[in-house]
Amino acid sequence: MVKQLLDRLTSLGRLVNIILTGFSILLCALIVFTRLPGMELLGIGVNWPLVWVMVWSLKRNAWQGAIAGLGLGLLQDALTSPYPLLENGVVNASPTHMLGLVLVGFLTGRFQKDKYFQEDFISVALLTFGMTLLAETLIALQLVLIGDRDFSSIWIAHQQIALCSAILSSLWAPVIYVPMNWFWERFWPKN
């Protein structure tokens, strides 16, 4: 009888884990459109999906981080793409967030956290800063490859976008890291 009760609690806990994790993904994807005081710098906002992928990947392996980056990258592209994919039979090229988020998830998951990293606010903020610069640089490189703008204008815009996004994302990373880390440490199944 006790074993049956524990099995039911375990299955209920997994369901709650899935629901709360899904809710946090949805929240991070939708809060991208919110501009509250302190969440914007020179018109650039926090990269919430990147912060979520970072927090997820800190507790997972590289492939789980990459898959999370793939999912959130596709979701972010679907919500923020300025162009329809096809217009009058012509394929529109626009940069994707997916590549940067997959790379961020993979690298963060691959990072030897026990050896080089102490999970605290400062370390998470610094890692978020660096990974945001990496993700924004990948978007700038995609713009260069698309070739509809000159390199100098892309580079100037990239500097402003990457630094503002990295500063804001690293400052706001603890808002996602603290509750999700607490939740996953206590309730996420270890097996």
N, C-alpha and C. Protein backbone atom coordinates (compact mmCIF):
# COMPACT_ATOMS: atom_id res chain seq x y z
N MET A 1 0.81 -1.19 0.00
CA MET A 1 0.00 0.00 0.00
C MET A 1 0.86 1.26 0.00
N VAL A 2 1.91 1.28 0.79
CA VAL A 2 2.81 2.43 0.82
C VAL A 2 3.51 2.59 -0.53
N LYS A 3 3.89 1.45 -1.13
CA LYS A 3 4.56 1.49 -2.44
C LYS A 3 3.62 2.07 -3.50
N GLN A 4 2.34 1.69 -3.47
CA GLN A 4 1.38 2.23 -4.42
C GLN A 4 1.19 3.73 -4.23
N LEU A 5 1.16 4.16 -3.00
CA LEU A 5 1.03 5.59 -2.71
C LEU A 5 2.25 6.36 -3.23
N LEU A 6 3.44 5.80 -3.00
CA LEU A 6 4.66 6.45 -3.49
C LEU A 6 4.70 6.48 -5.01
N ASP A 7 4.24 5.42 -5.66
CA ASP A 7 4.19 5.39 -7.13
C ASP A 7 3.24 6.46 -7.66
N ARG A 8 2.10 6.61 -7.00
CA ARG A 8 1.14 7.65 -7.42
C ARG A 8 1.72 9.05 -7.20
N LEU A 9 2.38 9.26 -6.09
CA LEU A 9 3.00 10.56 -5.84
C LEU A 9 4.12 10.84 -6.83
N THR A 10 4.88 9.81 -7.20
CA THR A 10 5.95 9.99 -8.18
C THR A 10 5.38 10.35 -9.54
N SER A 11 4.33 9.66 -9.97
CA SER A 11 3.74 9.98 -11.27
C SER A 11 3.07 11.35 -11.24
N LEU A 12 2.45 11.71 -10.12
CA LEU A 12 1.88 13.04 -9.99
C LEU A 12 2.97 14.11 -9.99
N GLY A 13 4.08 13.83 -9.31
CA GLY A 13 5.21 14.76 -9.30
C GLY A 13 5.79 14.98 -10.69
N ARG A 14 5.88 13.91 -11.48
CA ARG A 14 6.39 14.06 -12.85
C ARG A 14 5.45 14.89 -13.70
N LEU A 15 4.15 14.68 -13.51
CA LEU A 15 3.18 15.48 -14.25
C LEU A 15 3.30 16.96 -13.87
N VAL A 16 3.43 17.24 -12.58
CA VAL A 16 3.61 18.62 -12.12
C VAL A 16 4.91 19.19 -12.68
N ASN A 17 5.97 18.40 -12.71
CA ASN A 17 7.25 18.85 -13.29
C ASN A 17 7.08 19.24 -14.74
N ILE A 18 6.42 18.41 -15.50
CA ILE A 18 6.23 18.68 -16.93
C ILE A 18 5.39 19.93 -17.12
N ILE A 19 4.32 20.07 -16.35
CA ILE A 19 3.45 21.23 -16.48
C ILE A 19 4.18 22.52 -16.11
N LEU A 20 4.89 22.51 -14.98
CA LEU A 20 5.61 23.73 -14.56
C LEU A 20 6.77 24.07 -15.49
N THR A 21 7.47 23.07 -15.99
CA THR A 21 8.54 23.33 -16.94
C THR A 21 7.97 23.89 -18.24
N GLY A 22 6.87 23.32 -18.71
CA GLY A 22 6.22 23.84 -19.92
C GLY A 22 5.71 25.26 -19.72
N PHE A 23 5.14 25.52 -18.55
CA PHE A 23 4.67 26.87 -18.23
C PHE A 23 5.83 27.86 -18.22
N SER A 24 6.98 27.47 -17.67
CA SER A 24 8.13 28.38 -17.63
C SER A 24 8.65 28.66 -19.04
N ILE A 25 8.61 27.65 -19.92
CA ILE A 25 9.01 27.86 -21.32
C ILE A 25 8.07 28.85 -21.99
N LEU A 26 6.78 28.64 -21.82
CA LEU A 26 5.79 29.53 -22.41
C LEU A 26 5.94 30.95 -21.87
N LEU A 27 6.15 31.08 -20.58
CA LEU A 27 6.34 32.39 -19.97
C LEU A 27 7.56 33.10 -20.55
N CYS A 28 8.67 32.39 -20.68
CA CYS A 28 9.89 33.00 -21.24
C CYS A 28 9.70 33.39 -22.70
N ALA A 29 8.95 32.59 -23.44
CA ALA A 29 8.72 32.91 -24.85
C ALA A 29 7.81 34.14 -25.00
N LEU A 30 6.83 34.27 -24.13
CA LEU A 30 5.88 35.37 -24.26
C LEU A 30 6.36 36.67 -23.61
N ILE A 31 7.20 36.56 -22.60
CA ILE A 31 7.68 37.77 -21.92
C ILE A 31 8.67 38.55 -22.79
N VAL A 32 9.11 37.93 -23.89
CA VAL A 32 9.98 38.63 -24.84
C VAL A 32 9.31 39.92 -25.34
N PHE A 33 7.99 39.90 -25.43
CA PHE A 33 7.25 41.04 -25.96
C PHE A 33 6.95 42.10 -24.90
N THR A 34 7.30 41.85 -23.65
CA THR A 34 7.01 42.76 -22.55
C THR A 34 8.17 43.71 -22.33
N ARG A 35 7.87 44.97 -22.23
CA ARG A 35 8.90 45.98 -21.96
C ARG A 35 8.53 46.76 -20.71
N LEU A 36 8.98 46.25 -19.58
CA LEU A 36 8.76 46.92 -18.30
C LEU A 36 10.01 47.73 -17.96
N PRO A 37 9.91 48.68 -17.04
CA PRO A 37 11.11 49.43 -16.65
C PRO A 37 12.21 48.49 -16.14
N GLY A 38 13.41 48.69 -16.63
CA GLY A 38 14.54 47.86 -16.24
C GLY A 38 14.72 46.64 -17.13
N MET A 39 13.82 46.45 -18.07
CA MET A 39 13.91 45.30 -18.98
C MET A 39 14.28 45.72 -20.39
N GLU A 40 14.69 46.98 -20.56
CA GLU A 40 15.00 47.48 -21.88
C GLU A 40 16.16 48.46 -21.78
N LEU A 41 17.06 48.37 -22.72
CA LEU A 41 18.20 49.27 -22.79
C LEU A 41 18.43 49.62 -24.25
N LEU A 42 18.29 50.89 -24.60
CA LEU A 42 18.42 51.37 -25.97
C LEU A 42 17.52 50.61 -26.94
N GLY A 43 16.33 50.27 -26.47
CA GLY A 43 15.37 49.56 -27.32
C GLY A 43 15.58 48.06 -27.41
N ILE A 44 16.57 47.54 -26.72
CA ILE A 44 16.88 46.11 -26.74
C ILE A 44 16.39 45.50 -25.43
N GLY A 45 15.74 44.34 -25.52
CA GLY A 45 15.21 43.69 -24.33
C GLY A 45 16.03 42.48 -23.91
N VAL A 46 15.57 41.84 -22.87
CA VAL A 46 16.20 40.64 -22.33
C VAL A 46 15.93 39.48 -23.27
N ASN A 47 16.92 38.64 -23.48
CA ASN A 47 16.75 37.44 -24.30
C ASN A 47 16.30 36.31 -23.36
N TRP A 48 15.01 36.28 -23.03
CA TRP A 48 14.48 35.33 -22.06
C TRP A 48 14.63 33.87 -22.50
N PRO A 49 14.38 33.54 -23.77
CA PRO A 49 14.59 32.13 -24.16
C PRO A 49 16.04 31.67 -23.97
N LEU A 50 17.00 32.55 -24.23
CA LEU A 50 18.40 32.19 -24.01
C LEU A 50 18.66 31.96 -22.52
N VAL A 51 18.10 32.80 -21.68
CA VAL A 51 18.28 32.63 -20.24
C VAL A 51 17.70 31.30 -19.80
N TRP A 52 16.52 30.94 -20.31
CA TRP A 52 15.91 29.67 -19.94
C TRP A 52 16.77 28.48 -20.40
N VAL A 53 17.27 28.54 -21.62
CA VAL A 53 18.13 27.46 -22.13
C VAL A 53 19.38 27.34 -21.27
N MET A 54 19.96 28.48 -20.87
CA MET A 54 21.14 28.45 -20.00
C MET A 54 20.82 27.75 -18.68
N VAL A 55 19.73 28.15 -18.05
CA VAL A 55 19.37 27.57 -16.75
C VAL A 55 19.08 26.08 -16.89
N TRP A 56 18.37 25.69 -17.93
CA TRP A 56 18.07 24.28 -18.17
C TRP A 56 19.36 23.49 -18.39
N SER A 57 20.25 24.02 -19.19
CA SER A 57 21.47 23.30 -19.58
C SER A 57 22.46 23.18 -18.43
N LEU A 58 22.40 24.06 -17.46
CA LEU A 58 23.29 23.96 -16.31
C LEU A 58 23.05 22.67 -15.53
N LYS A 59 21.84 22.15 -15.57
CA LYS A 59 21.49 20.94 -14.82
C LYS A 59 21.40 19.71 -15.72
N ARG A 60 21.73 19.82 -17.00
CA ARG A 60 21.57 18.72 -17.94
C ARG A 60 22.86 18.50 -18.72
N ASN A 61 22.85 17.45 -19.55
CA ASN A 61 24.01 17.20 -20.40
C ASN A 61 23.92 18.03 -21.68
N ALA A 62 24.93 17.93 -22.51
CA ALA A 62 25.04 18.78 -23.70
C ALA A 62 23.90 18.54 -24.69
N TRP A 63 23.50 17.30 -24.89
CA TRP A 63 22.47 17.01 -25.88
C TRP A 63 21.10 17.46 -25.40
N GLN A 64 20.83 17.34 -24.13
CA GLN A 64 19.56 17.85 -23.60
C GLN A 64 19.51 19.37 -23.72
N GLY A 65 20.64 20.03 -23.50
CA GLY A 65 20.71 21.48 -23.69
C GLY A 65 20.50 21.87 -25.13
N ALA A 66 21.09 21.11 -26.06
CA ALA A 66 20.93 21.40 -27.48
C ALA A 66 19.48 21.21 -27.92
N ILE A 67 18.83 20.18 -27.42
CA ILE A 67 17.42 19.94 -27.78
C ILE A 67 16.54 21.05 -27.21
N ALA A 68 16.81 21.49 -26.00
CA ALA A 68 16.07 22.61 -25.43
C ALA A 68 16.29 23.87 -26.26
N GLY A 69 17.54 24.10 -26.70
CA GLY A 69 17.83 25.24 -27.56
C GLY A 69 17.11 25.15 -28.89
N LEU A 70 17.03 23.95 -29.43
CA LEU A 70 16.31 23.75 -30.70
C LEU A 70 14.83 24.09 -30.53
N GLY A 71 14.22 23.58 -29.48
CA GLY A 71 12.80 23.84 -29.26
C GLY A 71 12.51 25.31 -29.01
N LEU A 72 13.27 25.94 -28.13
CA LEU A 72 13.03 27.35 -27.85
C LEU A 72 13.43 28.24 -29.02
N GLY A 73 14.45 27.83 -29.76
CA GLY A 73 14.83 28.60 -30.95
C GLY A 73 13.74 28.60 -32.00
N LEU A 74 13.14 27.44 -32.23
CA LEU A 74 12.03 27.36 -33.18
C LEU A 74 10.83 28.17 -32.70
N LEU A 75 10.56 28.09 -31.40
CA LEU A 75 9.45 28.86 -30.83
C LEU A 75 9.71 30.36 -30.95
N GLN A 76 10.93 30.79 -30.63
CA GLN A 76 11.26 32.20 -30.73
C GLN A 76 11.21 32.69 -32.17
N ASP A 77 11.68 31.87 -33.11
CA ASP A 77 11.60 32.25 -34.52
C ASP A 77 10.15 32.36 -34.98
N ALA A 78 9.32 31.43 -34.53
CA ALA A 78 7.91 31.48 -34.92
C ALA A 78 7.22 32.73 -34.38
N LEU A 79 7.60 33.16 -33.19
CA LEU A 79 6.96 34.32 -32.58
C LEU A 79 7.53 35.65 -33.04
N THR A 80 8.79 35.68 -33.47
CA THR A 80 9.43 36.97 -33.74
C THR A 80 9.90 37.17 -35.18
N SER A 81 9.71 36.22 -36.05
CA SER A 81 10.20 36.38 -37.43
C SER A 81 9.48 37.53 -38.12
N PRO A 82 10.24 38.46 -38.69
CA PRO A 82 9.60 39.63 -39.29
C PRO A 82 8.99 39.34 -40.66
N TYR A 83 9.33 38.23 -41.27
CA TYR A 83 8.89 37.95 -42.62
C TYR A 83 8.14 36.62 -42.68
N PRO A 84 7.17 36.52 -43.56
CA PRO A 84 6.63 35.18 -43.82
C PRO A 84 7.69 34.38 -44.58
N LEU A 85 7.69 33.07 -44.40
CA LEU A 85 8.69 32.25 -45.05
C LEU A 85 8.58 32.33 -46.56
N LEU A 86 7.37 32.31 -47.07
CA LEU A 86 7.13 32.43 -48.51
C LEU A 86 6.28 33.66 -48.77
N GLU A 87 6.70 34.45 -49.75
CA GLU A 87 5.93 35.62 -50.14
C GLU A 87 5.96 35.70 -51.65
N ASN A 88 4.79 35.56 -52.27
CA ASN A 88 4.67 35.55 -53.73
C ASN A 88 5.57 34.50 -54.37
N GLY A 89 5.68 33.35 -53.73
CA GLY A 89 6.47 32.26 -54.28
C GLY A 89 7.97 32.38 -54.07
N VAL A 90 8.41 33.44 -53.37
CA VAL A 90 9.83 33.66 -53.14
C VAL A 90 10.12 33.38 -51.66
N VAL A 91 11.20 32.64 -51.41
CA VAL A 91 11.59 32.34 -50.04
C VAL A 91 12.30 33.55 -49.46
N ASN A 92 11.81 34.03 -48.31
CA ASN A 92 12.46 35.14 -47.61
C ASN A 92 13.52 34.60 -46.67
N ALA A 93 14.69 35.18 -46.72
CA ALA A 93 15.77 34.77 -45.82
C ALA A 93 15.80 35.71 -44.62
N SER A 94 15.77 35.12 -43.45
CA SER A 94 15.93 35.90 -42.23
C SER A 94 16.74 35.05 -41.26
N PRO A 95 17.51 35.70 -40.39
CA PRO A 95 18.33 34.92 -39.45
C PRO A 95 17.46 34.17 -38.44
N THR A 96 17.99 33.08 -37.95
CA THR A 96 17.26 32.26 -36.99
C THR A 96 17.93 32.32 -35.62
N HIS A 97 17.11 32.31 -34.59
CA HIS A 97 17.63 32.25 -33.23
C HIS A 97 18.02 30.82 -32.86
N MET A 98 17.51 29.88 -33.63
CA MET A 98 17.70 28.47 -33.32
C MET A 98 19.17 28.08 -33.25
N LEU A 99 19.97 28.52 -34.19
CA LEU A 99 21.40 28.13 -34.21
C LEU A 99 22.11 28.58 -32.93
N GLY A 100 21.88 29.81 -32.54
CA GLY A 100 22.52 30.33 -31.34
C GLY A 100 22.06 29.61 -30.08
N LEU A 101 20.77 29.34 -29.98
CA LEU A 101 20.26 28.68 -28.78
C LEU A 101 20.71 27.22 -28.70
N VAL A 102 20.80 26.55 -29.86
CA VAL A 102 21.31 25.17 -29.86
C VAL A 102 22.76 25.16 -29.40
N LEU A 103 23.56 26.06 -29.92
CA LEU A 103 24.98 26.13 -29.53
C LEU A 103 25.12 26.50 -28.05
N VAL A 104 24.33 27.45 -27.58
CA VAL A 104 24.37 27.84 -26.17
C VAL A 104 23.98 26.66 -25.28
N GLY A 105 22.91 25.96 -25.62
CA GLY A 105 22.49 24.81 -24.84
C GLY A 105 23.54 23.71 -24.82
N PHE A 106 24.14 23.46 -25.99
CA PHE A 106 25.16 22.41 -26.07
C PHE A 106 26.40 22.78 -25.26
N LEU A 107 26.90 24.00 -25.45
CA LEU A 107 28.12 24.42 -24.75
C LEU A 107 27.90 24.51 -23.23
N THR A 108 26.75 25.01 -22.83
CA THR A 108 26.48 25.11 -21.40
C THR A 108 26.35 23.72 -20.77
N GLY A 109 25.70 22.81 -21.47
CA GLY A 109 25.59 21.44 -20.97
C GLY A 109 26.93 20.71 -20.96
N ARG A 110 27.79 21.06 -21.89
CA ARG A 110 29.11 20.42 -22.00
C ARG A 110 30.10 20.98 -20.99
N PHE A 111 29.86 22.19 -20.55
CA PHE A 111 30.74 22.87 -19.62
C PHE A 111 30.92 22.01 -18.37
N GLN A 112 32.14 21.83 -17.94
CA GLN A 112 32.42 21.01 -16.76
C GLN A 112 32.13 21.83 -15.51
N LYS A 113 30.87 21.78 -15.11
CA LYS A 113 30.40 22.63 -14.02
C LYS A 113 31.09 22.34 -12.70
N ASP A 114 31.37 21.08 -12.44
CA ASP A 114 32.01 20.73 -11.17
C ASP A 114 33.43 21.26 -11.08
N LYS A 115 34.10 21.32 -12.22
CA LYS A 115 35.51 21.70 -12.23
C LYS A 115 35.72 23.21 -12.31
N TYR A 116 34.95 23.88 -13.15
CA TYR A 116 35.20 25.29 -13.44
C TYR A 116 34.12 26.25 -12.94
N PHE A 117 33.06 25.74 -12.42
CA PHE A 117 31.89 26.59 -12.24
C PHE A 117 31.24 26.34 -10.89
N GLN A 118 31.01 27.39 -10.16
CA GLN A 118 30.25 27.31 -8.93
C GLN A 118 28.90 27.95 -9.22
N GLU A 119 27.82 27.22 -9.01
CA GLU A 119 26.50 27.72 -9.37
C GLU A 119 26.03 28.75 -8.35
N ASP A 120 26.33 29.99 -8.63
CA ASP A 120 25.85 31.11 -7.83
C ASP A 120 25.44 32.22 -8.79
N PHE A 121 24.97 33.31 -8.24
CA PHE A 121 24.47 34.39 -9.09
C PHE A 121 25.54 34.94 -10.03
N ILE A 122 26.72 35.15 -9.50
CA ILE A 122 27.79 35.77 -10.30
C ILE A 122 28.19 34.87 -11.46
N SER A 123 28.38 33.59 -11.18
CA SER A 123 28.80 32.66 -12.23
C SER A 123 27.73 32.52 -13.31
N VAL A 124 26.48 32.43 -12.90
CA VAL A 124 25.39 32.32 -13.86
C VAL A 124 25.30 33.60 -14.70
N ALA A 125 25.46 34.75 -14.08
CA ALA A 125 25.41 36.02 -14.81
C ALA A 125 26.56 36.13 -15.81
N LEU A 126 27.76 35.76 -15.39
CA LEU A 126 28.90 35.83 -16.31
C LEU A 126 28.75 34.86 -17.48
N LEU A 127 28.31 33.65 -17.19
CA LEU A 127 28.10 32.68 -18.26
C LEU A 127 26.99 33.13 -19.21
N THR A 128 25.94 33.70 -18.66
CA THR A 128 24.86 34.23 -19.49
C THR A 128 25.35 35.38 -20.36
N PHE A 129 26.19 36.23 -19.81
CA PHE A 129 26.75 37.35 -20.59
C PHE A 129 27.51 36.82 -21.80
N GLY A 130 28.41 35.86 -21.56
CA GLY A 130 29.21 35.32 -22.65
C GLY A 130 28.38 34.58 -23.69
N MET A 131 27.43 33.80 -23.24
CA MET A 131 26.60 33.03 -24.17
C MET A 131 25.67 33.94 -24.97
N THR A 132 25.22 35.02 -24.38
CA THR A 132 24.39 35.98 -25.12
C THR A 132 25.21 36.64 -26.22
N LEU A 133 26.46 37.01 -25.91
CA LEU A 133 27.33 37.56 -26.95
C LEU A 133 27.52 36.57 -28.09
N LEU A 134 27.70 35.30 -27.76
CA LEU A 134 27.87 34.26 -28.77
C LEU A 134 26.62 34.12 -29.64
N ALA A 135 25.45 34.05 -29.02
CA ALA A 135 24.21 33.89 -29.77
C ALA A 135 23.93 35.10 -30.67
N GLU A 136 24.17 36.30 -30.16
CA GLU A 136 23.94 37.50 -30.98
C GLU A 136 24.96 37.59 -32.13
N THR A 137 26.16 37.12 -31.89
CA THR A 137 27.17 37.10 -32.96
C THR A 137 26.76 36.14 -34.07
N LEU A 138 26.17 35.01 -33.71
CA LEU A 138 25.70 34.08 -34.74
C LEU A 138 24.59 34.70 -35.58
N ILE A 139 23.73 35.49 -34.97
CA ILE A 139 22.69 36.17 -35.75
C ILE A 139 23.32 37.20 -36.69
N ALA A 140 24.31 37.93 -36.21
CA ALA A 140 24.99 38.91 -37.06
C ALA A 140 25.69 38.22 -38.23
N LEU A 141 26.32 37.07 -37.97
CA LEU A 141 26.97 36.32 -39.06
C LEU A 141 25.95 35.83 -40.09
N GLN A 142 24.78 35.45 -39.63
CA GLN A 142 23.73 35.05 -40.58
C GLN A 142 23.30 36.23 -41.44
N LEU A 143 23.21 37.42 -40.84
CA LEU A 143 22.87 38.61 -41.62
C LEU A 143 23.93 38.91 -42.67
N VAL A 144 25.20 38.70 -42.31
CA VAL A 144 26.27 38.90 -43.28
C VAL A 144 26.13 37.91 -44.43
N LEU A 145 25.83 36.66 -44.11
CA LEU A 145 25.69 35.63 -45.14
C LEU A 145 24.47 35.86 -46.03
N ILE A 146 23.40 36.40 -45.47
CA ILE A 146 22.22 36.71 -46.28
C ILE A 146 22.58 37.77 -47.31
N GLY A 147 23.39 38.75 -46.92
CA GLY A 147 23.97 39.70 -47.85
C GLY A 147 23.09 40.84 -48.30
N ASP A 148 21.99 41.13 -47.60
CA ASP A 148 21.16 42.25 -48.03
C ASP A 148 21.56 43.57 -47.38
N ARG A 149 22.58 43.55 -46.53
CA ARG A 149 23.11 44.76 -45.89
C ARG A 149 24.63 44.72 -45.95
N ASP A 150 25.23 45.88 -45.84
CA ASP A 150 26.70 45.89 -45.85
C ASP A 150 27.24 45.53 -44.46
N PHE A 151 28.46 45.05 -44.45
CA PHE A 151 29.08 44.53 -43.24
C PHE A 151 29.21 45.59 -42.15
N SER A 152 29.56 46.82 -42.53
CA SER A 152 29.79 47.85 -41.51
C SER A 152 28.50 48.20 -40.76
N SER A 153 27.37 48.26 -41.44
CA SER A 153 26.12 48.56 -40.75
C SER A 153 25.70 47.40 -39.84
N ILE A 154 25.96 46.17 -40.28
CA ILE A 154 25.66 45.00 -39.44
C ILE A 154 26.55 45.01 -38.21
N TRP A 155 27.83 45.33 -38.39
CA TRP A 155 28.77 45.32 -37.27
C TRP A 155 28.42 46.38 -36.22
N ILE A 156 28.05 47.57 -36.67
CA ILE A 156 27.69 48.64 -35.74
C ILE A 156 26.43 48.27 -34.96
N ALA A 157 25.43 47.76 -35.67
CA ALA A 157 24.20 47.36 -34.99
C ALA A 157 24.45 46.17 -34.06
N HIS A 158 25.31 45.25 -34.49
CA HIS A 158 25.62 44.07 -33.68
C HIS A 158 26.25 44.46 -32.35
N GLN A 159 27.15 45.42 -32.37
CA GLN A 159 27.80 45.84 -31.12
C GLN A 159 26.77 46.33 -30.11
N GLN A 160 25.86 47.19 -30.55
CA GLN A 160 24.85 47.74 -29.66
C GLN A 160 23.89 46.64 -29.19
N ILE A 161 23.40 45.84 -30.11
CA ILE A 161 22.43 44.80 -29.77
C ILE A 161 23.05 43.76 -28.84
N ALA A 162 24.26 43.29 -29.18
CA ALA A 162 24.89 42.23 -28.40
C ALA A 162 25.21 42.70 -26.98
N LEU A 163 25.78 43.87 -26.85
CA LEU A 163 26.13 44.35 -25.51
C LEU A 163 24.90 44.65 -24.65
N CYS A 164 23.91 45.31 -25.23
CA CYS A 164 22.69 45.60 -24.45
C CYS A 164 21.98 44.31 -24.05
N SER A 165 21.87 43.39 -24.99
CA SER A 165 21.20 42.12 -24.69
C SER A 165 21.98 41.31 -23.66
N ALA A 166 23.30 41.30 -23.77
CA ALA A 166 24.13 40.55 -22.82
C ALA A 166 24.06 41.15 -21.42
N ILE A 167 24.10 42.47 -21.33
CA ILE A 167 24.01 43.13 -20.02
C ILE A 167 22.66 42.83 -19.36
N LEU A 168 21.59 43.05 -20.11
CA LEU A 168 20.26 42.83 -19.53
C LEU A 168 20.00 41.36 -19.22
N SER A 169 20.38 40.48 -20.13
CA SER A 169 20.12 39.05 -19.90
C SER A 169 20.90 38.53 -18.70
N SER A 170 22.14 38.99 -18.55
CA SER A 170 22.93 38.52 -17.41
C SER A 170 22.41 39.10 -16.09
N LEU A 171 21.90 40.31 -16.12
CA LEU A 171 21.34 40.89 -14.89
C LEU A 171 20.02 40.25 -14.49
N TRP A 172 19.23 39.84 -15.47
CA TRP A 172 17.92 39.25 -15.19
C TRP A 172 17.98 37.72 -15.09
N ALA A 173 19.10 37.09 -15.39
CA ALA A 173 19.20 35.63 -15.34
C ALA A 173 18.82 35.04 -13.98
N PRO A 174 19.18 35.67 -12.85
CA PRO A 174 18.77 35.09 -11.56
C PRO A 174 17.26 35.00 -11.36
N VAL A 175 16.50 35.83 -12.07
CA VAL A 175 15.04 35.78 -11.94
C VAL A 175 14.51 34.42 -12.43
N ILE A 176 15.15 33.85 -13.41
CA ILE A 176 14.77 32.52 -13.90
C ILE A 176 15.56 31.44 -13.16
N TYR A 177 16.84 31.70 -12.93
CA TYR A 177 17.72 30.69 -12.35
C TYR A 177 17.30 30.26 -10.94
N VAL A 178 17.02 31.20 -10.08
CA VAL A 178 16.75 30.87 -8.67
C VAL A 178 15.51 29.99 -8.51
N PRO A 179 14.34 30.39 -9.03
CA PRO A 179 13.18 29.52 -8.82
C PRO A 179 13.27 28.19 -9.57
N MET A 180 13.79 28.21 -10.79
CA MET A 180 13.88 26.96 -11.55
C MET A 180 14.93 26.03 -10.95
N ASN A 181 16.02 26.55 -10.50
CA ASN A 181 17.05 25.73 -9.85
C ASN A 181 16.49 25.11 -8.57
N TRP A 182 15.80 25.91 -7.78
CA TRP A 182 15.18 25.40 -6.56
C TRP A 182 14.19 24.29 -6.89
N PHE A 183 13.36 24.52 -7.88
CA PHE A 183 12.35 23.54 -8.28
C PHE A 183 12.99 22.25 -8.77
N TRP A 184 13.97 22.36 -9.67
CA TRP A 184 14.58 21.16 -10.24
C TRP A 184 15.39 20.39 -9.21
N GLU A 185 16.04 21.07 -8.29
CA GLU A 185 16.80 20.36 -7.27
C GLU A 185 15.90 19.56 -6.32
N ARG A 186 14.73 20.05 -6.06
CA ARG A 186 13.85 19.40 -5.10
C ARG A 186 12.87 18.42 -5.71
N PHE A 187 12.40 18.72 -6.90
CA PHE A 187 11.28 17.94 -7.43
C PHE A 187 11.56 17.20 -8.73
N TRP A 188 12.62 17.53 -9.43
CA TRP A 188 12.88 16.87 -10.71
C TRP A 188 13.42 15.46 -10.43
N PRO A 189 12.86 14.43 -11.07
CA PRO A 189 13.34 13.07 -10.80
C PRO A 189 14.79 12.90 -11.24
N LYS A 190 15.56 12.27 -10.41
CA LYS A 190 16.99 12.09 -10.70
C LYS A 190 17.25 10.95 -11.67
N ASN A 191 16.31 10.03 -11.85
CA ASN A 191 16.57 8.88 -12.73
C ASN A 191 16.23 9.16 -14.16
